[in-house]
Amino acid sequence: MSRSAPDAVPDMGEPLDALDHGVLRVLHRRPRASYSEVAHALGVHERTVARRLERMTGTGQVGFAAGLIPEYQGEGITAEVAVRCLPGRVHEVAVALSALEQARSVETSTGSLDVFAELHLPDHEALLRLVDRVLGRIEGVADIHTSLMLRLVLTASDWAPYDDEPTAVRQFAVEGRALPEPVEVDELDRRLVDLLHRDARLSTAHLARELNVGETTARRRLARLMDSHILHLRLHVDPAFLGYPVEARFRLGVPHSRLEDAMRLIAAEPAVRQLMVTSGQMSVLGYSSHRNLRDFHDFAARVFAQLDVVTSSDMALLMKTYKRAGFLTDG
């Protein structure tokens, strides 16, 4: 996922008030809404909206992400690398992993393994080179475990804290239906996405000028991509900034014959913000966000008690996130 927000994240500053949440609620649903459109929805002046959004984006905790999802297009491979570190070297290893261009997310968690990174690479040979020649030579790395993503079920775009209704992708997952075939993407589409990568809120007129096409063409291309599941153009907000400071990571072993049932049940939980099928004995990998530890406990007790098909499980709490969806934090 590409990004269009600052890399470094200062302190969060003042807590969000009702108007801040209102601005984020509108932009969560319509990330390209203009200041005037947001102001009209909230009944305030557009200068007020501009000031509020500039203050929030200035912290680095709020931004706008835009990018094609290669997993849905069948491009390249996505791997999870789990690293056990030598004592006293966890932070250094996490920082080194975060600096990798191939790393989309990096975090540390409780448990026997210390650092986890999601990597996207062209092919298996590229993964082998990275693991052997780069990761294996990072000072402080004691052990490396890798697994491949086999199917992407939910992404961060499907975590919707402001909405009661599930996203279209989550609804497909809950119903056990396959996603529609991805739309064809040509060079013009990719150039359009590259512009959104730099600034996800560029006006249609600006996009048209940069692409040397008419506004109608630019608008039609953008609408076609946004209506598909292969383009994620979204408001990017650190869950803690919205009041969800507890983040969990879980792996589950589920027999293949019951995998679809388990995925449907887990996908129905609004707290789950990422879900995938991976290689390895524990083939289900997911992340969830919670308001507090009690909320997390209730989630785990409710959801995993229903999964009587689980043969093994590993649940951990994230301690620090160094990179999220391509956004560097203060690591």
C-alpha atoms as a PDB file:
ATOM      1  CA  MET A   1       0.000   0.000   0.000  1.00  0.00           C
ATOM      2  CA  SER A   2       1.352   3.376  -0.912  1.00  0.00           C
ATOM      3  CA  ARG A   3       1.173   6.389   1.318  1.00  0.00           C
ATOM      4  CA  SER A   4       0.620  10.130   1.248  1.00  0.00           C
ATOM      5  CA  ALA A   5       1.409  11.175   4.821  1.00  0.00           C
ATOM      6  CA  PRO A   6       4.533  12.147   6.794  1.00  0.00           C
ATOM      7  CA  ASP A   7       6.916   9.371   7.764  1.00  0.00           C
ATOM      8  CA  ALA A   8       7.698  10.522  11.288  1.00  0.00           C
ATOM      9  CA  VAL A   9       5.006  10.579  13.951  1.00  0.00           C
ATOM     10  CA  PRO A  10       5.193  13.100  16.812  1.00  0.00           C
ATOM     11  CA  ASP A  11       3.109  12.811  19.952  1.00  0.00           C
ATOM     12  CA  MET A  12      -0.617  12.444  19.474  1.00  0.00           C
ATOM     13  CA  GLY A  13      -1.350  15.739  21.191  1.00  0.00           C
ATOM     14  CA  GLU A  14      -4.854  16.560  22.393  1.00  0.00           C
ATOM     15  CA  PRO A  15      -7.523  13.829  22.409  1.00  0.00           C
ATOM     16  CA  LEU A  16     -10.023  13.903  19.552  1.00  0.00           C
ATOM     17  CA  ASP A  17     -13.294  15.691  20.249  1.00  0.00           C
ATOM     18  CA  ALA A  18     -16.706  15.109  18.670  1.00  0.00           C
ATOM     19  CA  LEU A  19     -15.979  17.370  15.696  1.00  0.00           C
ATOM     20  CA  ASP A  20     -12.657  15.646  15.017  1.00  0.00           C
ATOM     21  CA  HIS A  21     -14.437  12.306  14.989  1.00  0.00           C
ATOM     22  CA  GLY A  22     -17.095  13.789  12.714  1.00  0.00           C
ATOM     23  CA  VAL A  23     -14.477  14.868  10.183  1.00  0.00           C
ATOM     24  CA  LEU A  24     -12.826  11.442  10.291  1.00  0.00           C
ATOM     25  CA  ARG A  25     -16.184   9.687  10.012  1.00  0.00           C
ATOM     26  CA  VAL A  26     -17.026  11.486   6.768  1.00  0.00           C
ATOM     27  CA  LEU A  27     -13.539  10.981   5.324  1.00  0.00           C
ATOM     28  CA  HIS A  28     -13.532   7.331   6.333  1.00  0.00           C
ATOM     29  CA  ARG A  29     -16.564   6.821   4.111  1.00  0.00           C
ATOM     30  CA  ARG A  30     -15.470   9.261   1.398  1.00  0.00           C
ATOM     31  CA  PRO A  31     -11.705   9.867   1.611  1.00  0.00           C
ATOM     32  CA  ARG A  32     -11.725  12.243  -1.389  1.00  0.00           C
ATOM     33  CA  ALA A  33     -14.548  14.424  -0.058  1.00  0.00           C
ATOM     34  CA  SER A  34     -13.678  18.123  -0.303  1.00  0.00           C
ATOM     35  CA  TYR A  35     -13.517  20.438   2.701  1.00  0.00           C
ATOM     36  CA  SER A  36     -16.815  21.970   1.633  1.00  0.00           C
ATOM     37  CA  GLU A  37     -18.494  18.552   1.345  1.00  0.00           C
ATOM     38  CA  VAL A  38     -17.271  17.541   4.805  1.00  0.00           C
ATOM     39  CA  ALA A  39     -18.334  20.926   6.208  1.00  0.00           C
ATOM     40  CA  HIS A  40     -21.798  20.588   4.703  1.00  0.00           C
ATOM     41  CA  ALA A  41     -22.219  17.106   6.210  1.00  0.00           C
ATOM     42  CA  LEU A  42     -21.227  18.396   9.664  1.00  0.00           C
ATOM     43  CA  GLY A  43     -22.872  21.841   9.561  1.00  0.00           C
ATOM     44  CA  VAL A  44     -19.640  23.800  10.096  1.00  0.00           C
ATOM     45  CA  HIS A  45     -17.475  26.150   8.031  1.00  0.00           C
ATOM     46  CA  GLU A  46     -15.028  24.559   5.601  1.00  0.00           C
ATOM     47  CA  ARG A  47     -12.137  26.519   7.126  1.00  0.00           C
ATOM     48  CA  THR A  48     -12.912  24.750  10.396  1.00  0.00           C
ATOM     49  CA  VAL A  49     -12.722  21.384   8.644  1.00  0.00           C
ATOM     50  CA  ALA A  50      -9.440  22.344   6.973  1.00  0.00           C
ATOM     51  CA  ARG A  51      -7.886  23.405  10.274  1.00  0.00           C
ATOM     52  CA  ARG A  52      -9.036  20.263  12.062  1.00  0.00           C
ATOM     53  CA  LEU A  53      -7.752  17.943   9.345  1.00  0.00           C
ATOM     54  CA  GLU A  54      -4.437  19.779   9.027  1.00  0.00           C
ATOM     55  CA  ARG A  55      -3.921  19.475  12.780  1.00  0.00           C
ATOM     56  CA  MET A  56      -4.629  15.736  12.721  1.00  0.00           C
ATOM     57  CA  THR A  57      -2.517  14.988   9.658  1.00  0.00           C
ATOM     58  CA  GLY A  58       0.264  17.070  11.191  1.00  0.00           C
ATOM     59  CA  THR A  59       0.664  14.479  13.951  1.00  0.00           C
ATOM     60  CA  GLY A  60       1.273  11.759  11.364  1.00  0.00           C
ATOM     61  CA  GLN A  61      -1.418   9.616  12.981  1.00  0.00           C
ATOM     62  CA  VAL A  62      -3.882  10.518  10.216  1.00  0.00           C
ATOM     63  CA  GLY A  63      -3.176  10.297   6.499  1.00  0.00           C
ATOM     64  CA  PHE A  64      -4.547   9.022   3.216  1.00  0.00           C
ATOM     65  CA  ALA A  65      -3.343   5.789   1.621  1.00  0.00           C
ATOM     66  CA  ALA A  66      -3.844   4.845  -2.016  1.00  0.00           C
ATOM     67  CA  GLY A  67      -2.604   1.811  -3.884  1.00  0.00           C
ATOM     68  CA  LEU A  68      -3.472  -1.241  -5.919  1.00  0.00           C
ATOM     69  CA  ILE A  69      -3.670  -4.453  -3.874  1.00  0.00           C
ATOM     70  CA  PRO A  70      -1.280  -6.898  -5.558  1.00  0.00           C
ATOM     71  CA  GLU A  71      -2.763  -9.928  -3.765  1.00  0.00           C
ATOM     72  CA  TYR A  72      -6.126  -9.317  -5.422  1.00  0.00           C
ATOM     73  CA  GLN A  73      -4.400  -8.871  -8.785  1.00  0.00           C
ATOM     74  CA  GLY A  74      -2.259 -11.975  -8.435  1.00  0.00           C
ATOM     75  CA  GLU A  75       0.978  -9.972  -8.619  1.00  0.00           C
ATOM     76  CA  GLY A  76       4.065 -11.093  -6.686  1.00  0.00           C
ATOM     77  CA  ILE A  77       4.044 -12.889  -3.347  1.00  0.00           C
ATOM     78  CA  THR A  78       3.384 -11.759   0.224  1.00  0.00           C
ATOM     79  CA  ALA A  79       5.337 -13.318   3.066  1.00  0.00           C
ATOM     80  CA  GLU A  80       5.263 -13.009   6.816  1.00  0.00           C
ATOM     81  CA  VAL A  81       8.651 -13.146   8.493  1.00  0.00           C
ATOM     82  CA  ALA A  82       8.756 -13.826  12.225  1.00  0.00           C
ATOM     83  CA  VAL A  83      12.062 -13.139  13.951  1.00  0.00           C
ATOM     84  CA  ARG A  84      13.423 -14.219  17.314  1.00  0.00           C
ATOM     85  CA  CYS A  85      16.009 -11.721  18.498  1.00  0.00           C
ATOM     86  CA  LEU A  86      18.992 -11.855  20.785  1.00  0.00           C
ATOM     87  CA  PRO A  87      18.392 -10.221  24.188  1.00  0.00           C
ATOM     88  CA  GLY A  88      18.508  -6.457  24.003  1.00  0.00           C
ATOM     89  CA  ARG A  89      18.297  -6.301  20.188  1.00  0.00           C
ATOM     90  CA  VAL A  90      14.549  -6.277  19.508  1.00  0.00           C
ATOM     91  CA  HIS A  91      14.298  -2.542  18.804  1.00  0.00           C
ATOM     92  CA  GLU A  92      17.333  -2.509  16.510  1.00  0.00           C
ATOM     93  CA  VAL A  93      16.033  -5.462  14.483  1.00  0.00           C
ATOM     94  CA  ALA A  94      12.571  -3.894  14.153  1.00  0.00           C
ATOM     95  CA  VAL A  95      14.079  -0.615  12.931  1.00  0.00           C
ATOM     96  CA  ALA A  96      16.232  -2.471  10.390  1.00  0.00           C
ATOM     97  CA  LEU A  97      13.210  -4.381   9.057  1.00  0.00           C
ATOM     98  CA  SER A  98      11.163  -1.186   8.863  1.00  0.00           C
ATOM     99  CA  ALA A  99      13.797   0.372   6.612  1.00  0.00           C
ATOM    100  CA  LEU A 100      13.297  -2.330   3.970  1.00  0.00           C
ATOM    101  CA  GLU A 101      11.347  -1.130   0.939  1.00  0.00           C
ATOM    102  CA  GLN A 102       9.673  -4.547   0.711  1.00  0.00           C
ATOM    103  CA  ALA A 103       8.306  -4.298   4.266  1.00  0.00           C
ATOM    104  CA  ARG A 104       4.714  -3.110   4.482  1.00  0.00           C
ATOM    105  CA  SER A 105       4.293  -3.610   8.230  1.00  0.00           C
ATOM    106  CA  VAL A 106       6.595  -4.316  11.162  1.00  0.00           C
ATOM    107  CA  GLU A 107       5.638  -4.830  14.791  1.00  0.00           C
ATOM    108  CA  THR A 108       6.837  -6.378  18.023  1.00  0.00           C
ATOM    109  CA  SER A 109       4.602  -8.515  20.201  1.00  0.00           C
ATOM    110  CA  THR A 110       4.412 -10.666  23.274  1.00  0.00           C
ATOM    111  CA  GLY A 111       5.277 -14.343  22.884  1.00  0.00           C
ATOM    112  CA  SER A 112       8.275 -16.464  21.907  1.00  0.00           C
ATOM    113  CA  LEU A 113       8.914 -14.596  18.647  1.00  0.00           C
ATOM    114  CA  ASP A 114       9.762 -10.931  18.895  1.00  0.00           C
ATOM    115  CA  VAL A 115       9.409  -9.108  15.566  1.00  0.00           C
ATOM    116  CA  PHE A 116       6.962  -9.687  12.720  1.00  0.00           C
ATOM    117  CA  ALA A 117       7.172  -8.204   9.240  1.00  0.00           C
ATOM    118  CA  GLU A 118       4.872  -8.429   6.239  1.00  0.00           C
ATOM    119  CA  LEU A 119       6.879  -8.319   3.019  1.00  0.00           C
ATOM    120  CA  HIS A 120       5.806  -8.089  -0.612  1.00  0.00           C
ATOM    121  CA  LEU A 121       8.248  -9.375  -3.227  1.00  0.00           C
ATOM    122  CA  PRO A 122       8.239 -10.282  -6.932  1.00  0.00           C
ATOM    123  CA  ASP A 123       8.742 -14.037  -6.472  1.00  0.00           C
ATOM    124  CA  HIS A 124      10.056 -16.851  -4.276  1.00  0.00           C
ATOM    125  CA  GLU A 125      13.639 -16.348  -5.396  1.00  0.00           C
ATOM    126  CA  ALA A 126      13.501 -12.724  -4.262  1.00  0.00           C
ATOM    127  CA  LEU A 127      12.194 -13.884  -0.864  1.00  0.00           C
ATOM    128  CA  LEU A 128      15.027 -16.402  -0.526  1.00  0.00           C
ATOM    129  CA  ARG A 129      17.625 -13.732  -1.352  1.00  0.00           C
ATOM    130  CA  LEU A 130      16.122 -11.307   1.147  1.00  0.00           C
ATOM    131  CA  VAL A 131      15.935 -13.866   3.954  1.00  0.00           C
ATOM    132  CA  ASP A 132      19.382 -15.319   3.340  1.00  0.00           C
ATOM    133  CA  ARG A 133      21.423 -12.273   2.329  1.00  0.00           C
ATOM    134  CA  VAL A 134      19.683  -9.456   4.195  1.00  0.00           C
ATOM    135  CA  LEU A 135      17.554 -10.602   7.117  1.00  0.00           C
ATOM    136  CA  GLY A 136      19.957 -13.353   8.160  1.00  0.00           C
ATOM    137  CA  ARG A 137      22.784 -10.818   8.356  1.00  0.00           C
ATOM    138  CA  ILE A 138      21.004  -8.243  10.516  1.00  0.00           C
ATOM    139  CA  GLU A 139      22.857  -8.044  13.797  1.00  0.00           C
ATOM    140  CA  GLY A 140      20.714  -9.336  16.626  1.00  0.00           C
ATOM    141  CA  VAL A 141      18.664 -11.832  14.577  1.00  0.00           C
ATOM    142  CA  ALA A 142      18.730 -15.261  16.219  1.00  0.00           C
ATOM    143  CA  ASP A 143      16.090 -17.165  14.259  1.00  0.00           C
ATOM    144  CA  ILE A 144      13.782 -16.565  11.268  1.00  0.00           C
ATOM    145  CA  HIS A 145      10.449 -18.207  10.428  1.00  0.00           C
ATOM    146  CA  THR A 146       8.693 -17.515   7.125  1.00  0.00           C
ATOM    147  CA  SER A 147       5.238 -18.258   5.777  1.00  0.00           C
ATOM    148  CA  LEU A 148       3.463 -17.274   2.564  1.00  0.00           C
ATOM    149  CA  MET A 149       0.077 -15.628   2.248  1.00  0.00           C
ATOM    150  CA  LEU A 150      -2.153 -17.975   0.249  1.00  0.00           C
ATOM    151  CA  ARG A 151      -5.334 -15.911   0.323  1.00  0.00           C
ATOM    152  CA  LEU A 152      -6.087 -12.392   1.481  1.00  0.00           C
ATOM    153  CA  VAL A 153      -9.522 -12.226   3.115  1.00  0.00           C
ATOM    154  CA  LEU A 154      -9.681  -8.849   4.915  1.00  0.00           C
ATOM    155  CA  THR A 155      -7.412  -5.805   4.884  1.00  0.00           C
ATOM    156  CA  ALA A 156      -7.181  -2.696   7.058  1.00  0.00           C
ATOM    157  CA  SER A 157      -9.676  -1.064   4.679  1.00  0.00           C
ATOM    158  CA  ASP A 158     -12.286  -3.490   6.001  1.00  0.00           C
ATOM    159  CA  TRP A 159     -11.895  -2.295   9.590  1.00  0.00           C
ATOM    160  CA  ALA A 160     -14.651   0.297   9.882  1.00  0.00           C
ATOM    161  CA  PRO A 161     -14.889   1.646  13.449  1.00  0.00           C
ATOM    162  CA  TYR A 162     -17.372   4.354  12.422  1.00  0.00           C
ATOM    163  CA  ASP A 163     -19.784   2.097  10.556  1.00  0.00           C
ATOM    164  CA  ASP A 164     -22.224  -0.566  11.674  1.00  0.00           C
ATOM    165  CA  GLU A 165     -22.482  -2.075   8.201  1.00  0.00           C
ATOM    166  CA  PRO A 166     -19.621  -4.279   6.939  1.00  0.00           C
ATOM    167  CA  THR A 167     -17.633  -3.336   3.858  1.00  0.00           C
ATOM    168  CA  ALA A 168     -18.464  -5.145   0.643  1.00  0.00           C
ATOM    169  CA  VAL A 169     -15.311  -7.277   0.922  1.00  0.00           C
ATOM    170  CA  ARG A 170     -16.156  -8.281   4.514  1.00  0.00           C
ATOM    171  CA  GLN A 171     -19.703  -9.132   3.479  1.00  0.00           C
ATOM    172  CA  PHE A 172     -18.388 -11.449   0.759  1.00  0.00           C
ATOM    173  CA  ALA A 173     -16.136 -13.129   3.355  1.00  0.00           C
ATOM    174  CA  VAL A 174     -18.951 -13.562   5.887  1.00  0.00           C
ATOM    175  CA  GLU A 175     -21.187 -15.102   3.228  1.00  0.00           C
ATOM    176  CA  GLY A 176     -18.411 -17.374   2.009  1.00  0.00           C
ATOM    177  CA  ARG A 177     -18.525 -15.956  -1.514  1.00  0.00           C
ATOM    178  CA  ALA A 178     -15.540 -15.378  -3.761  1.00  0.00           C
ATOM    179  CA  LEU A 179     -14.705 -11.785  -4.654  1.00  0.00           C
ATOM    180  CA  PRO A 180     -15.576 -10.631  -8.176  1.00  0.00           C
ATOM    181  CA  GLU A 181     -12.913 -11.013 -10.824  1.00  0.00           C
ATOM    182  CA  PRO A 182     -10.480  -8.070 -10.636  1.00  0.00           C
ATOM    183  CA  VAL A 183     -10.904  -5.345 -13.248  1.00  0.00           C
ATOM    184  CA  GLU A 184      -8.308  -5.017 -16.006  1.00  0.00           C
ATOM    185  CA  VAL A 185      -5.645  -2.429 -15.255  1.00  0.00           C
ATOM    186  CA  ASP A 186      -3.746  -0.681 -18.050  1.00  0.00           C
ATOM    187  CA  GLU A 187      -0.889   1.836 -18.128  1.00  0.00           C
ATOM    188  CA  LEU A 188      -3.217   4.825 -17.749  1.00  0.00           C
ATOM    189  CA  ASP A 189      -4.765   3.259 -14.644  1.00  0.00           C
ATOM    190  CA  ARG A 190      -1.324   2.703 -13.140  1.00  0.00           C
ATOM    191  CA  ARG A 191      -0.277   6.278 -13.855  1.00  0.00           C
ATOM    192  CA  LEU A 192      -3.468   7.436 -12.162  1.00  0.00           C
ATOM    193  CA  VAL A 193      -2.713   5.334  -9.084  1.00  0.00           C
ATOM    194  CA  ASP A 194       0.866   6.648  -9.023  1.00  0.00           C
ATOM    195  CA  LEU A 195      -0.523  10.192  -8.781  1.00  0.00           C
ATOM    196  CA  LEU A 196      -2.842   9.147  -5.951  1.00  0.00           C
ATOM    197  CA  HIS A 197       0.145   7.536  -4.252  1.00  0.00           C
ATOM    198  CA  ARG A 198       1.688  10.999  -3.989  1.00  0.00           C
ATOM    199  CA  ASP A 199      -1.547  12.702  -2.937  1.00  0.00           C
ATOM    200  CA  ALA A 200      -4.696  10.623  -2.565  1.00  0.00           C
ATOM    201  CA  ARG A 201      -6.875  13.753  -2.518  1.00  0.00           C
ATOM    202  CA  LEU A 202      -5.708  15.361  -5.774  1.00  0.00           C
ATOM    203  CA  SER A 203      -8.655  16.931  -7.597  1.00  0.00           C
ATOM    204  CA  THR A 204     -10.018  15.232 -10.700  1.00  0.00           C
ATOM    205  CA  ALA A 205      -9.015  18.307 -12.713  1.00  0.00           C
ATOM    206  CA  HIS A 206      -5.420  17.979 -11.482  1.00  0.00           C
ATOM    207  CA  LEU A 207      -5.391  14.258 -12.250  1.00  0.00           C
ATOM    208  CA  ALA A 208      -6.684  14.921 -15.758  1.00  0.00           C
ATOM    209  CA  ARG A 209      -3.989  17.523 -16.435  1.00  0.00           C
ATOM    210  CA  GLU A 210      -1.208  15.258 -15.203  1.00  0.00           C
ATOM    211  CA  LEU A 211      -2.531  12.350 -17.277  1.00  0.00           C
ATOM    212  CA  ASN A 212      -3.182  14.548 -20.328  1.00  0.00           C
ATOM    213  CA  VAL A 213      -6.773  13.315 -20.610  1.00  0.00           C
ATOM    214  CA  GLY A 214     -10.174  14.924 -20.216  1.00  0.00           C
ATOM    215  CA  GLU A 215     -11.778  15.273 -16.786  1.00  0.00           C
ATOM    216  CA  THR A 216     -14.547  12.888 -17.812  1.00  0.00           C
ATOM    217  CA  THR A 217     -11.975  10.201 -18.634  1.00  0.00           C
ATOM    218  CA  ALA A 218     -10.090  10.756 -15.383  1.00  0.00           C
ATOM    219  CA  ARG A 219     -13.319  10.698 -13.375  1.00  0.00           C
ATOM    220  CA  ARG A 220     -14.525   7.525 -15.093  1.00  0.00           C
ATOM    221  CA  ARG A 221     -11.195   5.742 -14.600  1.00  0.00           C
ATOM    222  CA  LEU A 222     -11.041   6.703 -10.936  1.00  0.00           C
ATOM    223  CA  ALA A 223     -14.639   5.659 -10.278  1.00  0.00           C
ATOM    224  CA  ARG A 224     -14.067   2.300 -11.973  1.00  0.00           C
ATOM    225  CA  LEU A 225     -11.033   1.591  -9.817  1.00  0.00           C
ATOM    226  CA  MET A 226     -12.651   2.800  -6.594  1.00  0.00           C
ATOM    227  CA  ASP A 227     -15.697   0.627  -7.225  1.00  0.00           C
ATOM    228  CA  SER A 228     -13.463  -2.417  -7.492  1.00  0.00           C
ATOM    229  CA  HIS A 229     -11.718  -4.180  -4.632  1.00  0.00           C
ATOM    230  CA  ILE A 230      -8.242  -3.901  -6.177  1.00  0.00           C
ATOM    231  CA  LEU A 231      -7.784  -0.195  -5.347  1.00  0.00           C
ATOM    232  CA  HIS A 232      -7.693   0.816  -1.720  1.00  0.00           C
ATOM    233  CA  LEU A 233      -8.014   4.567  -1.363  1.00  0.00           C
ATOM    234  CA  ARG A 234      -8.711   5.181   2.263  1.00  0.00           C
ATOM    235  CA  LEU A 235      -8.280   7.276   5.339  1.00  0.00           C
ATOM    236  CA  HIS A 236      -5.342   5.859   7.267  1.00  0.00           C
ATOM    237  CA  VAL A 237      -5.575   6.315  11.039  1.00  0.00           C
ATOM    238  CA  ASP A 238      -3.613   4.673  13.820  1.00  0.00           C
ATOM    239  CA  PRO A 239      -6.215   2.633  15.793  1.00  0.00           C
ATOM    240  CA  ALA A 240      -4.904   4.047  19.097  1.00  0.00           C
ATOM    241  CA  PHE A 241      -5.686   7.558  17.831  1.00  0.00           C
ATOM    242  CA  LEU A 242      -9.343   6.499  17.517  1.00  0.00           C
ATOM    243  CA  GLY A 243      -9.456   4.946  20.976  1.00  0.00           C
ATOM    244  CA  TYR A 244      -8.408   1.372  20.137  1.00  0.00           C
ATOM    245  CA  PRO A 245      -4.956   1.091  21.768  1.00  0.00           C
ATOM    246  CA  VAL A 246      -5.010  -2.694  22.275  1.00  0.00           C
ATOM    247  CA  GLU A 247      -4.038  -4.643  19.167  1.00  0.00           C
ATOM    248  CA  ALA A 248      -3.833  -8.399  18.971  1.00  0.00           C
ATOM    249  CA  ARG A 249      -2.284 -10.884  16.592  1.00  0.00           C
ATOM    250  CA  PHE A 250      -3.592 -14.430  16.354  1.00  0.00           C
ATOM    251  CA  ARG A 251      -2.663 -17.611  14.523  1.00  0.00           C
ATOM    252  CA  LEU A 252      -4.945 -20.620  14.357  1.00  0.00           C
ATOM    253  CA  GLY A 253      -4.553 -24.177  13.153  1.00  0.00           C
ATOM    254  CA  VAL A 254      -7.727 -25.261  11.365  1.00  0.00           C
ATOM    255  CA  PRO A 255      -8.264 -28.451   9.323  1.00  0.00           C
ATOM    256  CA  HIS A 256      -8.647 -27.672   5.645  1.00  0.00           C
ATOM    257  CA  SER A 257     -12.119 -29.233   5.606  1.00  0.00           C
ATOM    258  CA  ARG A 258     -13.357 -26.647   8.142  1.00  0.00           C
ATOM    259  CA  LEU A 259     -11.296 -23.662   7.028  1.00  0.00           C
ATOM    260  CA  GLU A 260     -14.089 -21.836   5.207  1.00  0.00           C
ATOM    261  CA  ASP A 261     -16.448 -22.115   8.182  1.00  0.00           C
ATOM    262  CA  ALA A 262     -13.796 -20.680  10.491  1.00  0.00           C
ATOM    263  CA  MET A 263     -12.975 -17.816   8.131  1.00  0.00           C
ATOM    264  CA  ARG A 264     -16.645 -16.848   7.833  1.00  0.00           C
ATOM    265  CA  LEU A 265     -17.062 -16.764  11.605  1.00  0.00           C
ATOM    266  CA  ILE A 266     -13.913 -14.707  12.195  1.00  0.00           C
ATOM    267  CA  ALA A 267     -14.656 -12.294   9.332  1.00  0.00           C
ATOM    268  CA  ALA A 268     -18.027 -11.487  10.919  1.00  0.00           C
ATOM    269  CA  GLU A 269     -16.248  -9.868  13.890  1.00  0.00           C
ATOM    270  CA  PRO A 270     -15.925  -6.075  13.348  1.00  0.00           C
ATOM    271  CA  ALA A 271     -12.814  -5.964  15.553  1.00  0.00           C
ATOM    272  CA  VAL A 272     -10.852  -8.051  13.026  1.00  0.00           C
ATOM    273  CA  ARG A 273      -8.910  -5.654  10.799  1.00  0.00           C
ATOM    274  CA  GLN A 274      -6.825  -8.119   8.799  1.00  0.00           C
ATOM    275  CA  LEU A 275      -7.377 -11.778   7.970  1.00  0.00           C
ATOM    276  CA  MET A 276      -5.579 -14.187   5.681  1.00  0.00           C
ATOM    277  CA  VAL A 277      -4.817 -17.828   4.951  1.00  0.00           C
ATOM    278  CA  THR A 278      -1.122 -18.692   5.081  1.00  0.00           C
ATOM    279  CA  SER A 279       1.170 -21.645   4.627  1.00  0.00           C
ATOM    280  CA  GLY A 280       2.249 -23.609   7.693  1.00  0.00           C
ATOM    281  CA  GLN A 281       0.588 -25.657  10.415  1.00  0.00           C
ATOM    282  CA  MET A 282      -1.357 -22.651  11.722  1.00  0.00           C
ATOM    283  CA  SER A 283      -2.920 -21.477   8.497  1.00  0.00           C
ATOM    284  CA  VAL A 284      -5.117 -18.624   9.760  1.00  0.00           C
ATOM    285  CA  LEU A 285      -3.459 -15.295  10.557  1.00  0.00           C
ATOM    286  CA  GLY A 286      -5.405 -12.286  11.786  1.00  0.00           C
ATOM    287  CA  TYR A 287      -5.158  -8.956  13.586  1.00  0.00           C
ATOM    288  CA  SER A 288      -7.770  -7.232  15.729  1.00  0.00           C
ATOM    289  CA  SER A 289      -8.141  -3.851  17.470  1.00  0.00           C
ATOM    290  CA  HIS A 290      -9.786  -3.224  20.853  1.00  0.00           C
ATOM    291  CA  ARG A 291     -10.604  -0.391  23.248  1.00  0.00           C
ATOM    292  CA  ASN A 292      -9.055  -2.129  26.264  1.00  0.00           C
ATOM    293  CA  LEU A 293      -7.841  -5.474  27.551  1.00  0.00           C
ATOM    294  CA  ARG A 294     -11.312  -6.452  28.757  1.00  0.00           C
ATOM    295  CA  ASP A 295     -12.668  -5.870  25.257  1.00  0.00           C
ATOM    296  CA  PHE A 296      -9.917  -8.093  23.860  1.00  0.00           C
ATOM    297  CA  HIS A 297     -10.622 -10.795  26.465  1.00  0.00           C
ATOM    298  CA  ASP A 298     -14.337 -10.776  25.640  1.00  0.00           C
ATOM    299  CA  PHE A 299     -13.541 -10.962  21.918  1.00  0.00           C
ATOM    300  CA  ALA A 300     -11.228 -13.929  22.382  1.00  0.00           C
ATOM    301  CA  ALA A 301     -13.636 -15.768  24.686  1.00  0.00           C
ATOM    302  CA  ARG A 302     -16.599 -15.202  22.384  1.00  0.00           C
ATOM    303  CA  VAL A 303     -14.990 -15.940  19.036  1.00  0.00           C
ATOM    304  CA  PHE A 304     -12.503 -18.667  19.751  1.00  0.00           C
ATOM    305  CA  ALA A 305     -14.870 -20.583  22.007  1.00  0.00           C
ATOM    306  CA  GLN A 306     -17.031 -21.107  18.914  1.00  0.00           C
ATOM    307  CA  LEU A 307     -14.129 -22.451  16.884  1.00  0.00           C
ATOM    308  CA  ASP A 308     -14.245 -26.036  18.097  1.00  0.00           C
ATOM    309  CA  VAL A 309     -12.306 -27.075  14.986  1.00  0.00           C
ATOM    310  CA  VAL A 310      -9.136 -25.253  16.029  1.00  0.00           C
ATOM    311  CA  THR A 311      -6.271 -27.696  16.594  1.00  0.00           C
ATOM    312  CA  SER A 312      -3.737 -25.108  17.799  1.00  0.00           C
ATOM    313  CA  SER A 313      -3.646 -21.397  18.510  1.00  0.00           C
ATOM    314  CA  ASP A 314      -1.269 -18.590  19.388  1.00  0.00           C
ATOM    315  CA  MET A 315      -2.510 -15.206  20.541  1.00  0.00           C
ATOM    316  CA  ALA A 316      -0.269 -12.244  21.289  1.00  0.00           C
ATOM    317  CA  LEU A 317      -0.624  -8.540  21.997  1.00  0.00           C
ATOM    318  CA  LEU A 318       1.301  -6.046  19.902  1.00  0.00           C
ATOM    319  CA  MET A 319       3.753  -4.033  21.979  1.00  0.00           C
ATOM    320  CA  LYS A 320       4.920  -1.557  19.347  1.00  0.00           C
ATOM    321  CA  THR A 321       4.181  -0.924  15.684  1.00  0.00           C
ATOM    322  CA  TYR A 322       7.111   0.399  13.661  1.00  0.00           C
ATOM    323  CA  LYS A 323       5.502   0.393  10.222  1.00  0.00           C
ATOM    324  CA  ARG A 324       1.859   0.060   9.244  1.00  0.00           C
ATOM    325  CA  ALA A 325       0.597  -0.248   5.655  1.00  0.00           C
ATOM    326  CA  GLY A 326       3.756   1.459   4.441  1.00  0.00           C
ATOM    327  CA  PHE A 327       3.609   4.271   7.016  1.00  0.00           C
ATOM    328  CA  LEU A 328       6.631   4.584   9.281  1.00  0.00           C
ATOM    329  CA  THR A 329       5.884   5.373  12.912  1.00  0.00           C
ATOM    330  CA  ASP A 330       8.207   6.823  15.518  1.00  0.00           C
ATOM    331  CA  GLY A 331      10.361   3.665  15.665  1.00  0.00           C
END
